[in-house]
C-alpha cells in the first residue's frame, strides 16, 4: 500500500461550499476511486485560515492513481470544483506533494 499526502488551496470564502460539495461525493466518482485502487482518502481543512486543504490517500499503485485523471467523471469533478480552489489550466487542483518522513502503524507492531 502506498500512502500519499498533499496540500491544495481554496479560494477565500470557499470552505463551506467545498465541504458541501463533498457531502456526499458523487457516487460515480467514488466508484472510479475504488476501481483505481484507492483504499482510503481523506481531506482535512486547516481551520486557522480556511484556505489550506491537507489530503491523505492510501492507494494500490501510482499508475492507477494517475489514470484517475483520464476518466470522464474526474474531469467533470475538476470542472465542478474549479471555482472553489486554485487550479491548473486543465482544471486539476494545484497540488503540493508532501514527503513522508515518519510513519507508525501500531497494529502491525503488536505481537
PDB file of N, CA and C in Angstrom:
ATOM      1  N   UNK A   1       0.849  -1.179   0.000  1.00  0.00           N
ATOM      2  CA  UNK A   1       0.000   0.000   0.000  1.00  0.00           C
ATOM      3  C   UNK A   1       0.890   1.235   0.000  1.00  0.00           C
ATOM      4  N   UNK A   2       0.549   2.182  -0.827  1.00  0.00           N
ATOM      5  CA  UNK A   2       1.280   3.451  -0.922  1.00  0.00           C
ATOM      6  C   UNK A   2       0.468   4.527  -0.212  1.00  0.00           C
ATOM      7  N   UNK A   3       1.127   5.278   0.667  1.00  0.00           N
ATOM      8  CA  UNK A   3       0.490   6.402   1.352  1.00  0.00           C
ATOM      9  C   UNK A   3       0.889   7.690   0.645  1.00  0.00           C
ATOM     10  N   UNK A   4      -0.099   8.517   0.338  1.00  0.00           N
ATOM     11  CA  UNK A   4       0.137   9.804  -0.320  1.00  0.00           C
ATOM     12  C   UNK A   4      -0.445  10.911   0.542  1.00  0.00           C
ATOM     13  N   UNK A   5       0.255  12.034   0.588  1.00  0.00           N
ATOM     14  CA  UNK A   5      -0.276  13.214   1.266  1.00  0.00           C
ATOM     15  C   UNK A   5       0.057  14.420   0.411  1.00  0.00           C
ATOM     16  N   UNK A   6      -0.870  15.355   0.350  1.00  0.00           N
ATOM     17  CA  UNK A   6      -0.639  16.549  -0.458  1.00  0.00           C
ATOM     18  C   UNK A   6      -1.502  17.693   0.039  1.00  0.00           C
ATOM     19  N   UNK A   7      -1.111  18.898  -0.358  1.00  0.00           N
ATOM     20  CA  UNK A   7      -1.827  20.119   0.008  1.00  0.00           C
ATOM     21  C   UNK A   7      -2.513  20.701  -1.216  1.00  0.00           C
ATOM     22  N   UNK A   8      -3.661  21.302  -0.996  1.00  0.00           N
ATOM     23  CA  UNK A   8      -4.373  22.051  -2.031  1.00  0.00           C
ATOM     24  C   UNK A   8      -4.812  23.362  -1.390  1.00  0.00           C
ATOM     25  N   UNK A   9      -5.224  24.324  -2.211  1.00  0.00           N
ATOM     26  CA  UNK A   9      -5.584  25.638  -1.690  1.00  0.00           C
ATOM     27  C   UNK A   9      -6.958  26.063  -2.187  1.00  0.00           C
ATOM     28  N   UNK A  10      -7.789  26.467  -1.245  1.00  0.00           N
ATOM     29  CA  UNK A  10      -9.106  27.007  -1.574  1.00  0.00           C
ATOM     30  C   UNK A  10      -9.010  28.499  -1.847  1.00  0.00           C
ATOM     31  N   UNK A  11      -9.978  28.992  -2.567  1.00  0.00           N
ATOM     32  CA  UNK A  11     -10.121  30.434  -2.732  1.00  0.00           C
ATOM     33  C   UNK A  11     -10.798  30.983  -1.473  1.00  0.00           C
ATOM     34  N   UNK A  12     -10.533  32.243  -1.134  1.00  0.00           N
ATOM     35  CA  UNK A  12     -11.146  32.824   0.070  1.00  0.00           C
ATOM     36  C   UNK A  12     -12.673  32.689   0.057  1.00  0.00           C
ATOM     37  N   UNK A  13     -13.201  32.279   1.189  1.00  0.00           N
ATOM     38  CA  UNK A  13     -14.647  32.157   1.335  1.00  0.00           C
ATOM     39  C   UNK A  13     -15.258  30.892   0.755  1.00  0.00           C
ATOM     40  N   UNK A  14     -14.449  29.947   0.282  1.00  0.00           N
ATOM     41  CA  UNK A  14     -14.971  28.759  -0.397  1.00  0.00           C
ATOM     42  C   UNK A  14     -15.080  27.525   0.491  1.00  0.00           C
ATOM     43  N   UNK A  15     -14.637  27.596   1.727  1.00  0.00           N
ATOM     44  CA  UNK A  15     -14.564  26.403   2.580  1.00  0.00           C
ATOM     45  C   UNK A  15     -15.919  25.730   2.775  1.00  0.00           C
ATOM     46  N   UNK A  16     -16.939  26.479   3.098  1.00  0.00           N
ATOM     47  CA  UNK A  16     -18.252  25.885   3.356  1.00  0.00           C
ATOM     48  C   UNK A  16     -18.803  25.204   2.106  1.00  0.00           C
ATOM     49  N   UNK A  17     -18.667  25.853   0.969  1.00  0.00           N
ATOM     50  CA  UNK A  17     -19.164  25.263  -0.276  1.00  0.00           C
ATOM     51  C   UNK A  17     -18.350  24.033  -0.667  1.00  0.00           C
ATOM     52  N   UNK A  18     -17.046  24.083  -0.440  1.00  0.00           N
ATOM     53  CA  UNK A  18     -16.193  22.930  -0.724  1.00  0.00           C
ATOM     54  C   UNK A  18     -16.667  21.719   0.075  1.00  0.00           C
ATOM     55  N   UNK A  19     -16.898  21.925   1.351  1.00  0.00           N
ATOM     56  CA  UNK A  19     -17.363  20.820   2.202  1.00  0.00           C
ATOM     57  C   UNK A  19     -18.739  20.332   1.751  1.00  0.00           C
ATOM     58  N   UNK A  20     -19.623  21.247   1.416  1.00  0.00           N
ATOM     59  CA  UNK A  20     -20.976  20.895   0.966  1.00  0.00           C
ATOM     60  C   UNK A  20     -20.926  20.015  -0.282  1.00  0.00           C
ATOM     61  N   UNK A  21     -20.050  20.350  -1.223  1.00  0.00           N
ATOM     62  CA  UNK A  21     -19.967  19.589  -2.471  1.00  0.00           C
ATOM     63  C   UNK A  21     -19.383  18.189  -2.268  1.00  0.00           C
ATOM     64  N   UNK A  22     -18.740  17.969  -1.160  1.00  0.00           N
ATOM     65  CA  UNK A  22     -18.177  16.648  -0.884  1.00  0.00           C
ATOM     66  C   UNK A  22     -19.119  15.769  -0.050  1.00  0.00           C
ATOM     67  N   UNK A  23     -20.236  16.313   0.380  1.00  0.00           N
ATOM     68  CA  UNK A  23     -21.145  15.580   1.254  1.00  0.00           C
ATOM     69  C   UNK A  23     -22.548  15.495   0.684  1.00  0.00           C
ATOM     70  N   UNK A  24     -22.869  14.466  -0.068  1.00  0.00           N
ATOM     71  CA  UNK A  24     -21.992  13.338  -0.385  1.00  0.00           C
ATOM     72  C   UNK A  24     -21.225  13.587  -1.682  1.00  0.00           C
ATOM     73  N   UNK A  25     -20.133  12.863  -1.832  1.00  0.00           N
ATOM     74  CA  UNK A  25     -19.377  12.907  -3.077  1.00  0.00           C
ATOM     75  C   UNK A  25     -20.188  12.150  -4.133  1.00  0.00           C
ATOM     76  N   UNK A  26     -19.983  12.478  -5.391  1.00  0.00           N
ATOM     77  CA  UNK A  26     -20.724  11.793  -6.450  1.00  0.00           C
ATOM     78  C   UNK A  26     -20.467  10.280  -6.370  1.00  0.00           C
ATOM     79  N   UNK A  27     -21.512   9.471  -6.427  1.00  0.00           N
ATOM     80  CA  UNK A  27     -21.323   8.007  -6.392  1.00  0.00           C
ATOM     81  C   UNK A  27     -20.421   7.507  -7.525  1.00  0.00           C
ATOM     82  N   UNK A  28     -20.538   8.105  -8.704  1.00  0.00           N
ATOM     83  CA  UNK A  28     -19.703   7.656  -9.826  1.00  0.00           C
ATOM     84  C   UNK A  28     -18.229   8.009  -9.615  1.00  0.00           C
ATOM     85  N   UNK A  29     -17.944   9.100  -8.907  1.00  0.00           N
ATOM     86  CA  UNK A  29     -16.560   9.434  -8.593  1.00  0.00           C
ATOM     87  C   UNK A  29     -16.030   8.471  -7.529  1.00  0.00           C
ATOM     88  N   UNK A  30     -16.843   8.168  -6.550  1.00  0.00           N
ATOM     89  CA  UNK A  30     -16.448   7.191  -5.540  1.00  0.00           C
ATOM     90  C   UNK A  30     -16.130   5.845  -6.198  1.00  0.00           C
ATOM     91  N   UNK A  31     -16.943   5.437  -7.160  1.00  0.00           N
ATOM     92  CA  UNK A  31     -16.714   4.163  -7.860  1.00  0.00           C
ATOM     93  C   UNK A  31     -15.399   4.187  -8.636  1.00  0.00           C
ATOM     94  N   UNK A  32     -15.097   5.308  -9.287  1.00  0.00           N
ATOM     95  CA  UNK A  32     -13.833   5.431 -10.027  1.00  0.00           C
ATOM     96  C   UNK A  32     -12.648   5.347  -9.079  1.00  0.00           C
ATOM     97  N   UNK A  33     -12.732   6.038  -7.957  1.00  0.00           N
ATOM     98  CA  UNK A  33     -11.640   5.984  -6.986  1.00  0.00           C
ATOM     99  C   UNK A  33     -11.405   4.542  -6.529  1.00  0.00           C
ATOM    100  N   UNK A  34     -12.461   3.858  -6.156  1.00  0.00           N
ATOM    101  CA  UNK A  34     -12.334   2.475  -5.696  1.00  0.00           C
ATOM    102  C   UNK A  34     -11.791   1.564  -6.792  1.00  0.00           C
ATOM    103  N   UNK A  35     -12.304   1.722  -8.008  1.00  0.00           N
ATOM    104  CA  UNK A  35     -11.857   0.844  -9.102  1.00  0.00           C
ATOM    105  C   UNK A  35     -10.422   1.126  -9.535  1.00  0.00           C
ATOM    106  N   UNK A  36      -9.882   2.265  -9.120  1.00  0.00           N
ATOM    107  CA  UNK A  36      -8.495   2.611  -9.420  1.00  0.00           C
ATOM    108  C   UNK A  36      -7.581   2.432  -8.203  1.00  0.00           C
ATOM    109  N   UNK A  37      -8.010   1.606  -7.268  1.00  0.00           N
ATOM    110  CA  UNK A  37      -7.143   1.193  -6.182  1.00  0.00           C
ATOM    111  C   UNK A  37      -7.015   2.136  -5.005  1.00  0.00           C
ATOM    112  N   UNK A  38      -7.934   3.096  -4.880  1.00  0.00           N
ATOM    113  CA  UNK A  38      -7.897   3.997  -3.721  1.00  0.00           C
ATOM    114  C   UNK A  38      -8.595   3.277  -2.568  1.00  0.00           C
ATOM    115  N   UNK A  39      -7.841   3.009  -1.504  1.00  0.00           N
ATOM    116  CA  UNK A  39      -8.370   2.277  -0.357  1.00  0.00           C
ATOM    117  C   UNK A  39      -8.968   3.209   0.688  1.00  0.00           C
ATOM    118  N   UNK A  40      -8.353   4.362   0.874  1.00  0.00           N
ATOM    119  CA  UNK A  40      -8.862   5.364   1.796  1.00  0.00           C
ATOM    120  C   UNK A  40      -8.437   6.730   1.273  1.00  0.00           C
ATOM    121  N   UNK A  41      -9.286   7.722   1.498  1.00  0.00           N
ATOM    122  CA  UNK A  41      -8.997   9.069   1.006  1.00  0.00           C
ATOM    123  C   UNK A  41      -9.684  10.046   1.945  1.00  0.00           C
ATOM    124  N   UNK A  42      -8.898  10.912   2.563  1.00  0.00           N
ATOM    125  CA  UNK A  42      -9.440  11.922   3.469  1.00  0.00           C
ATOM    126  C   UNK A  42      -8.898  13.283   3.089  1.00  0.00           C
ATOM    127  N   UNK A  43      -9.728  14.301   3.271  1.00  0.00           N
ATOM    128  CA  UNK A  43      -9.307  15.686   3.054  1.00  0.00           C
ATOM    129  C   UNK A  43      -9.659  16.460   4.317  1.00  0.00           C
ATOM    130  N   UNK A  44      -8.680  17.214   4.822  1.00  0.00           N
ATOM    131  CA  UNK A  44      -8.845  17.988   6.048  1.00  0.00           C
ATOM    132  C   UNK A  44      -8.681  19.470   5.736  1.00  0.00           C
ATOM    133  N   UNK A  45      -9.483  20.296   6.364  1.00  0.00           N
ATOM    134  CA  UNK A  45      -9.401  21.741   6.216  1.00  0.00           C
ATOM    135  C   UNK A  45      -8.597  22.327   7.360  1.00  0.00           C
ATOM    136  N   UNK A  46      -7.636  23.175   7.046  1.00  0.00           N
ATOM    137  CA  UNK A  46      -6.880  23.913   8.067  1.00  0.00           C
ATOM    138  C   UNK A  46      -7.790  25.022   8.581  1.00  0.00           C
ATOM    139  N   UNK A  47      -8.255  24.879   9.791  1.00  0.00           N
ATOM    140  CA  UNK A  47      -9.194  25.835  10.363  1.00  0.00           C
ATOM    141  C   UNK A  47      -8.605  27.190  10.679  1.00  0.00           C
ATOM    142  N   UNK A  48      -7.280  27.317  10.655  1.00  0.00           N
ATOM    143  CA  UNK A  48      -6.674  28.602  11.020  1.00  0.00           C
ATOM    144  C   UNK A  48      -6.899  29.671   9.955  1.00  0.00           C
ATOM    145  N   UNK A  49      -6.951  29.258   8.698  1.00  0.00           N
ATOM    146  CA  UNK A  49      -7.198  30.265   7.653  1.00  0.00           C
ATOM    147  C   UNK A  49      -8.273  29.833   6.658  1.00  0.00           C
ATOM    148  N   UNK A  50      -8.721  28.574   6.761  1.00  0.00           N
ATOM    149  CA  UNK A  50      -9.745  28.010   5.887  1.00  0.00           C
ATOM    150  C   UNK A  50      -9.403  28.134   4.410  1.00  0.00           C
ATOM    151  N   UNK A  51      -8.112  28.099   4.102  1.00  0.00           N
ATOM    152  CA  UNK A  51      -7.676  28.102   2.706  1.00  0.00           C
ATOM    153  C   UNK A  51      -6.919  26.829   2.342  1.00  0.00           C
ATOM    154  N   UNK A  52      -6.209  26.268   3.295  1.00  0.00           N
ATOM    155  CA  UNK A  52      -5.365  25.105   3.022  1.00  0.00           C
ATOM    156  C   UNK A  52      -6.117  23.808   3.287  1.00  0.00           C
ATOM    157  N   UNK A  53      -5.974  22.878   2.350  1.00  0.00           N
ATOM    158  CA  UNK A  53      -6.522  21.538   2.487  1.00  0.00           C
ATOM    159  C   UNK A  53      -5.364  20.557   2.552  1.00  0.00           C
ATOM    160  N   UNK A  54      -5.450  19.616   3.469  1.00  0.00           N
ATOM    161  CA  UNK A  54      -4.487  18.533   3.572  1.00  0.00           C
ATOM    162  C   UNK A  54      -5.208  17.262   3.148  1.00  0.00           C
ATOM    163  N   UNK A  55      -4.658  16.549   2.173  1.00  0.00           N
ATOM    164  CA  UNK A  55      -5.283  15.322   1.690  1.00  0.00           C
ATOM    165  C   UNK A  55      -4.372  14.132   1.961  1.00  0.00           C
ATOM    166  N   UNK A  56      -4.986  13.013   2.315  1.00  0.00           N
ATOM    167  CA  UNK A  56      -4.262  11.779   2.587  1.00  0.00           C
ATOM    168  C   UNK A  56      -4.995  10.643   1.882  1.00  0.00           C
ATOM    169  N   UNK A  57      -4.242   9.826   1.160  1.00  0.00           N
ATOM    170  CA  UNK A  57      -4.832   8.681   0.469  1.00  0.00           C
ATOM    171  C   UNK A  57      -3.926   7.471   0.604  1.00  0.00           C
ATOM    172  N   UNK A  58      -4.538   6.313   0.635  1.00  0.00           N
ATOM    173  CA  UNK A  58      -3.822   5.047   0.545  1.00  0.00           C
ATOM    174  C   UNK A  58      -4.247   4.411  -0.762  1.00  0.00           C
ATOM    175  N   UNK A  59      -3.252   4.113  -1.603  1.00  0.00           N
ATOM    176  CA  UNK A  59      -3.520   3.653  -2.969  1.00  0.00           C
ATOM    177  C   UNK A  59      -2.756   2.357  -3.258  1.00  0.00           C
ATOM    178  N   UNK A  60      -3.230   1.632  -4.268  1.00  0.00           N
ATOM    179  CA  UNK A  60      -2.561   0.401  -4.685  1.00  0.00           C
ATOM    180  C   UNK A  60      -1.299   0.686  -5.486  1.00  0.00           C
ATOM    181  N   UNK A  61      -1.392   1.664  -6.420  1.00  0.00           N
ATOM    182  CA  UNK A  61      -0.239   1.956  -7.272  1.00  0.00           C
ATOM    183  C   UNK A  61      -0.305   3.381  -7.798  1.00  0.00           C
ATOM    184  N   UNK A  62       0.861   3.938  -8.062  1.00  0.00           N
ATOM    185  CA  UNK A  62       0.930   5.281  -8.648  1.00  0.00           C
ATOM    186  C   UNK A  62       0.308   5.293 -10.038  1.00  0.00           C
ATOM    187  N   UNK A  63       0.512   4.216 -10.794  1.00  0.00           N
ATOM    188  CA  UNK A  63      -0.035   4.147 -12.153  1.00  0.00           C
ATOM    189  C   UNK A  63      -1.559   4.243 -12.143  1.00  0.00           C
ATOM    190  N   UNK A  64      -2.194   3.452 -11.278  1.00  0.00           N
ATOM    191  CA  UNK A  64      -3.653   3.527 -11.180  1.00  0.00           C
ATOM    192  C   UNK A  64      -4.104   4.901 -10.699  1.00  0.00           C
ATOM    193  N   UNK A  65      -3.401   5.477  -9.736  1.00  0.00           N
ATOM    194  CA  UNK A  65      -3.728   6.805  -9.221  1.00  0.00           C
ATOM    195  C   UNK A  65      -3.690   7.840 -10.346  1.00  0.00           C
ATOM    196  N   UNK A  66      -2.653   7.797 -11.162  1.00  0.00           N
ATOM    197  CA  UNK A  66      -2.513   8.753 -12.257  1.00  0.00           C
ATOM    198  C   UNK A  66      -3.606   8.569 -13.305  1.00  0.00           C
ATOM    199  N   UNK A  67      -4.067   7.362 -13.505  1.00  0.00           N
ATOM    200  CA  UNK A  67      -5.103   7.103 -14.522  1.00  0.00           C
ATOM    201  C   UNK A  67      -6.473   7.650 -14.135  1.00  0.00           C
ATOM    202  N   UNK A  68      -6.680   7.943 -12.866  1.00  0.00           N
ATOM    203  CA  UNK A  68      -7.952   8.545 -12.447  1.00  0.00           C
ATOM    204  C   UNK A  68      -8.184   9.849 -13.214  1.00  0.00           C
ATOM    205  N   UNK A  69      -7.113  10.607 -13.428  1.00  0.00           N
ATOM    206  CA  UNK A  69      -7.214  11.898 -14.117  1.00  0.00           C
ATOM    207  C   UNK A  69      -7.717  11.769 -15.547  1.00  0.00           C
ATOM    208  N   UNK A  70      -7.618  10.586 -16.122  1.00  0.00           N
ATOM    209  CA  UNK A  70      -8.055  10.368 -17.502  1.00  0.00           C
ATOM    210  C   UNK A  70      -9.529  10.001 -17.615  1.00  0.00           C
ATOM    211  N   UNK A  71     -10.195   9.846 -16.495  1.00  0.00           N
ATOM    212  CA  UNK A  71     -11.599   9.442 -16.541  1.00  0.00           C
ATOM    213  C   UNK A  71     -12.506  10.660 -16.739  1.00  0.00           C
ATOM    214  N   UNK A  72     -13.610  10.425 -17.399  1.00  0.00           N
ATOM    215  CA  UNK A  72     -14.579  11.497 -17.644  1.00  0.00           C
ATOM    216  C   UNK A  72     -15.125  12.066 -16.339  1.00  0.00           C
ATOM    217  N   UNK A  73     -15.434  11.199 -15.379  1.00  0.00           N
ATOM    218  CA  UNK A  73     -16.010  11.680 -14.119  1.00  0.00           C
ATOM    219  C   UNK A  73     -15.018  12.553 -13.351  1.00  0.00           C
ATOM    220  N   UNK A  74     -13.751  12.213 -13.391  1.00  0.00           N
ATOM    221  CA  UNK A  74     -12.758  13.052 -12.718  1.00  0.00           C
ATOM    222  C   UNK A  74     -12.678  14.419 -13.388  1.00  0.00           C
ATOM    223  N   UNK A  75     -12.667  14.437 -14.700  1.00  0.00           N
ATOM    224  CA  UNK A  75     -12.618  15.719 -15.431  1.00  0.00           C
ATOM    225  C   UNK A  75     -13.836  16.578 -15.127  1.00  0.00           C
ATOM    226  N   UNK A  76     -15.011  15.945 -15.039  1.00  0.00           N
ATOM    227  CA  UNK A  76     -16.222  16.694 -14.703  1.00  0.00           C
ATOM    228  C   UNK A  76     -16.153  17.222 -13.270  1.00  0.00           C
ATOM    229  N   UNK A  77     -15.594  16.417 -12.339  1.00  0.00           N
ATOM    230  CA  UNK A  77     -15.452  16.842 -10.945  1.00  0.00           C
ATOM    231  C   UNK A  77     -14.525  18.047 -10.866  1.00  0.00           C
ATOM    232  N   UNK A  78     -13.395  17.980 -11.557  1.00  0.00           N
ATOM    233  CA  UNK A  78     -12.471  19.115 -11.551  1.00  0.00           C
ATOM    234  C   UNK A  78     -13.154  20.387 -12.052  1.00  0.00           C
ATOM    235  N   UNK A  79     -13.916  20.274 -13.138  1.00  0.00           N
ATOM    236  CA  UNK A  79     -14.618  21.442 -13.684  1.00  0.00           C
ATOM    237  C   UNK A  79     -15.635  21.977 -12.671  1.00  0.00           C
ATOM    238  N   UNK A  80     -16.292  21.080 -11.956  1.00  0.00           N
ATOM    239  CA  UNK A  80     -17.292  21.435 -10.940  1.00  0.00           C
ATOM    240  C   UNK A  80     -16.652  22.156  -9.761  1.00  0.00           C
ATOM    241  N   UNK A  81     -15.408  21.797  -9.437  1.00  0.00           N
ATOM    242  CA  UNK A  81     -14.737  22.341  -8.257  1.00  0.00           C
ATOM    243  C   UNK A  81     -13.832  23.535  -8.547  1.00  0.00           C
ATOM    244  N   UNK A  82     -13.533  23.832  -9.795  1.00  0.00           N
ATOM    245  CA  UNK A  82     -12.517  24.835 -10.123  1.00  0.00           C
ATOM    246  C   UNK A  82     -12.843  26.246  -9.638  1.00  0.00           C
ATOM    247  N   UNK A  83     -14.105  26.560  -9.439  1.00  0.00           N
ATOM    248  CA  UNK A  83     -14.439  27.895  -8.946  1.00  0.00           C
ATOM    249  C   UNK A  83     -14.129  28.057  -7.458  1.00  0.00           C
ATOM    250  N   UNK A  84     -13.821  26.959  -6.771  1.00  0.00           N
ATOM    251  CA  UNK A  84     -13.577  26.998  -5.327  1.00  0.00           C
ATOM    252  C   UNK A  84     -12.108  26.948  -4.927  1.00  0.00           C
ATOM    253  N   UNK A  85     -11.243  26.562  -5.878  1.00  0.00           N
ATOM    254  CA  UNK A  85      -9.853  26.315  -5.488  1.00  0.00           C
ATOM    255  C   UNK A  85      -8.872  26.714  -6.575  1.00  0.00           C
ATOM    256  N   UNK A  86      -7.594  26.788  -6.192  1.00  0.00           N
ATOM    257  CA  UNK A  86      -6.557  27.069  -7.177  1.00  0.00           C
ATOM    258  C   UNK A  86      -6.411  25.859  -8.080  1.00  0.00           C
ATOM    259  N   UNK A  87      -6.429  26.111  -9.401  1.00  0.00           N
ATOM    260  CA  UNK A  87      -6.383  25.017 -10.361  1.00  0.00           C
ATOM    261  C   UNK A  87      -5.365  25.279 -11.459  1.00  0.00           C
ATOM    262  N   UNK A  88      -5.015  24.197 -12.135  1.00  0.00           N
ATOM    263  CA  UNK A  88      -4.143  24.249 -13.306  1.00  0.00           C
ATOM    264  C   UNK A  88      -4.989  24.514 -14.544  1.00  0.00           C
ATOM    265  N   UNK A  89      -4.348  24.769 -15.697  1.00  0.00           N
ATOM    266  CA  UNK A  89      -5.116  25.030 -16.918  1.00  0.00           C
ATOM    267  C   UNK A  89      -6.087  23.903 -17.311  1.00  0.00           C
ATOM    268  N   UNK A  90      -5.803  22.660 -16.913  1.00  0.00           N
ATOM    269  CA  UNK A  90      -6.708  21.546 -17.233  1.00  0.00           C
ATOM    270  C   UNK A  90      -7.798  21.358 -16.174  1.00  0.00           C
ATOM    271  N   UNK A  91      -7.948  22.319 -15.268  1.00  0.00           N
ATOM    272  CA  UNK A  91      -8.918  22.331 -14.163  1.00  0.00           C
ATOM    273  C   UNK A  91      -8.527  21.444 -12.984  1.00  0.00           C
ATOM    274  N   UNK A  92      -7.433  20.706 -13.079  1.00  0.00           N
ATOM    275  CA  UNK A  92      -6.992  19.898 -11.947  1.00  0.00           C
ATOM    276  C   UNK A  92      -6.534  20.823 -10.820  1.00  0.00           C
ATOM    277  N   UNK A  93      -6.707  20.394  -9.578  1.00  0.00           N
ATOM    278  CA  UNK A  93      -6.270  21.250  -8.476  1.00  0.00           C
ATOM    279  C   UNK A  93      -4.754  21.400  -8.449  1.00  0.00           C
ATOM    280  N   UNK A  94      -4.302  22.573  -8.070  1.00  0.00           N
ATOM    281  CA  UNK A  94      -2.874  22.770  -7.834  1.00  0.00           C
ATOM    282  C   UNK A  94      -2.537  21.987  -6.571  1.00  0.00           C
ATOM    283  N   UNK A  95      -1.555  21.103  -6.672  1.00  0.00           N
ATOM    284  CA  UNK A  95      -1.213  20.187  -5.592  1.00  0.00           C
ATOM    285  C   UNK A  95       0.254  20.332  -5.224  1.00  0.00           C
ATOM    286  N   UNK A  96       0.532  20.355  -3.939  1.00  0.00           N
ATOM    287  CA  UNK A  96       1.907  20.291  -3.440  1.00  0.00           C
ATOM    288  C   UNK A  96       2.043  18.947  -2.731  1.00  0.00           C
ATOM    289  N   UNK A  97       2.817  18.036  -3.335  1.00  0.00           N
ATOM    290  CA  UNK A  97       3.025  16.725  -2.732  1.00  0.00           C
ATOM    291  C   UNK A  97       3.871  16.851  -1.473  1.00  0.00           C
ATOM    292  N   UNK A  98       3.549  16.032  -0.484  1.00  0.00           N
ATOM    293  CA  UNK A  98       4.293  16.001   0.768  1.00  0.00           C
ATOM    294  C   UNK A  98       5.073  14.692   0.863  1.00  0.00           C
ATOM    295  N   UNK A  99       6.285  14.779   1.357  1.00  0.00           N
ATOM    296  CA  UNK A  99       7.148  13.613   1.515  1.00  0.00           C
ATOM    297  C   UNK A  99       6.950  13.035   2.911  1.00  0.00           C
ATOM    298  N   UNK A 100       6.688  11.745   2.976  1.00  0.00           N
ATOM    299  CA  UNK A 100       6.542  11.100   4.274  1.00  0.00           C
ATOM    300  C   UNK A 100       7.906  10.989   4.946  1.00  0.00           C
ATOM    301  N   UNK A 101       7.990  11.450   6.180  1.00  0.00           N
ATOM    302  CA  UNK A 101       9.243  11.370   6.928  1.00  0.00           C
ATOM    303  C   UNK A 101       9.110  10.489   8.169  1.00  0.00           C
ATOM    304  N   UNK A 102       7.896  10.113   8.521  1.00  0.00           N
ATOM    305  CA  UNK A 102       7.686   9.230   9.657  1.00  0.00           C
ATOM    306  C   UNK A 102       6.348   8.539   9.499  1.00  0.00           C
ATOM    307  N   UNK A 103       6.300   7.267   9.910  1.00  0.00           N
ATOM    308  CA  UNK A 103       5.047   6.517   9.897  1.00  0.00           C
ATOM    309  C   UNK A 103       5.089   5.484  11.013  1.00  0.00           C
ATOM    310  N   UNK A 104       4.026   5.365  11.771  1.00  0.00           N
ATOM    311  CA  UNK A 104       3.892   4.358  12.808  1.00  0.00           C
ATOM    312  C   UNK A 104       2.597   3.632  12.558  1.00  0.00           C
ATOM    313  N   UNK A 105       2.668   2.337  12.491  1.00  0.00           N
ATOM    314  CA  UNK A 105       1.478   1.516  12.355  1.00  0.00           C
ATOM    315  C   UNK A 105       1.414   0.637  13.583  1.00  0.00           C
ATOM    316  N   UNK A 106       0.685   1.077  14.579  1.00  0.00           N
ATOM    317  CA  UNK A 106       0.615   0.368  15.851  1.00  0.00           C
ATOM    318  C   UNK A 106       0.057  -1.034  15.685  1.00  0.00           C
ATOM    319  N   UNK A 107      -0.867  -1.216  14.785  1.00  0.00           N
ATOM    320  CA  UNK A 107      -1.488  -2.537  14.589  1.00  0.00           C
ATOM    321  C   UNK A 107      -0.454  -3.560  14.119  1.00  0.00           C
ATOM    322  N   UNK A 108       0.457  -3.164  13.257  1.00  0.00           N
ATOM    323  CA  UNK A 108       1.426  -4.131  12.744  1.00  0.00           C
ATOM    324  C   UNK A 108       2.575  -4.372  13.705  1.00  0.00           C
ATOM    325  N   UNK A 109       2.718  -3.532  14.727  1.00  0.00           N
ATOM    326  CA  UNK A 109       3.818  -3.720  15.669  1.00  0.00           C
ATOM    327  C   UNK A 109       3.408  -4.562  16.873  1.00  0.00           C
ATOM    328  N   UNK A 110       2.117  -4.918  16.947  1.00  0.00           N
ATOM    329  CA  UNK A 110       1.655  -5.755  18.038  1.00  0.00           C
ATOM    330  C   UNK A 110       1.991  -7.209  17.749  1.00  0.00           C
ATOM    331  N   UNK A 111       2.254  -7.980  18.796  1.00  0.00           N
ATOM    332  CA  UNK A 111       2.558  -9.412  18.605  1.00  0.00           C
ATOM    333  C   UNK A 111       1.379 -10.256  18.996  1.00  0.00           C
TER     334      UNK A 111
END
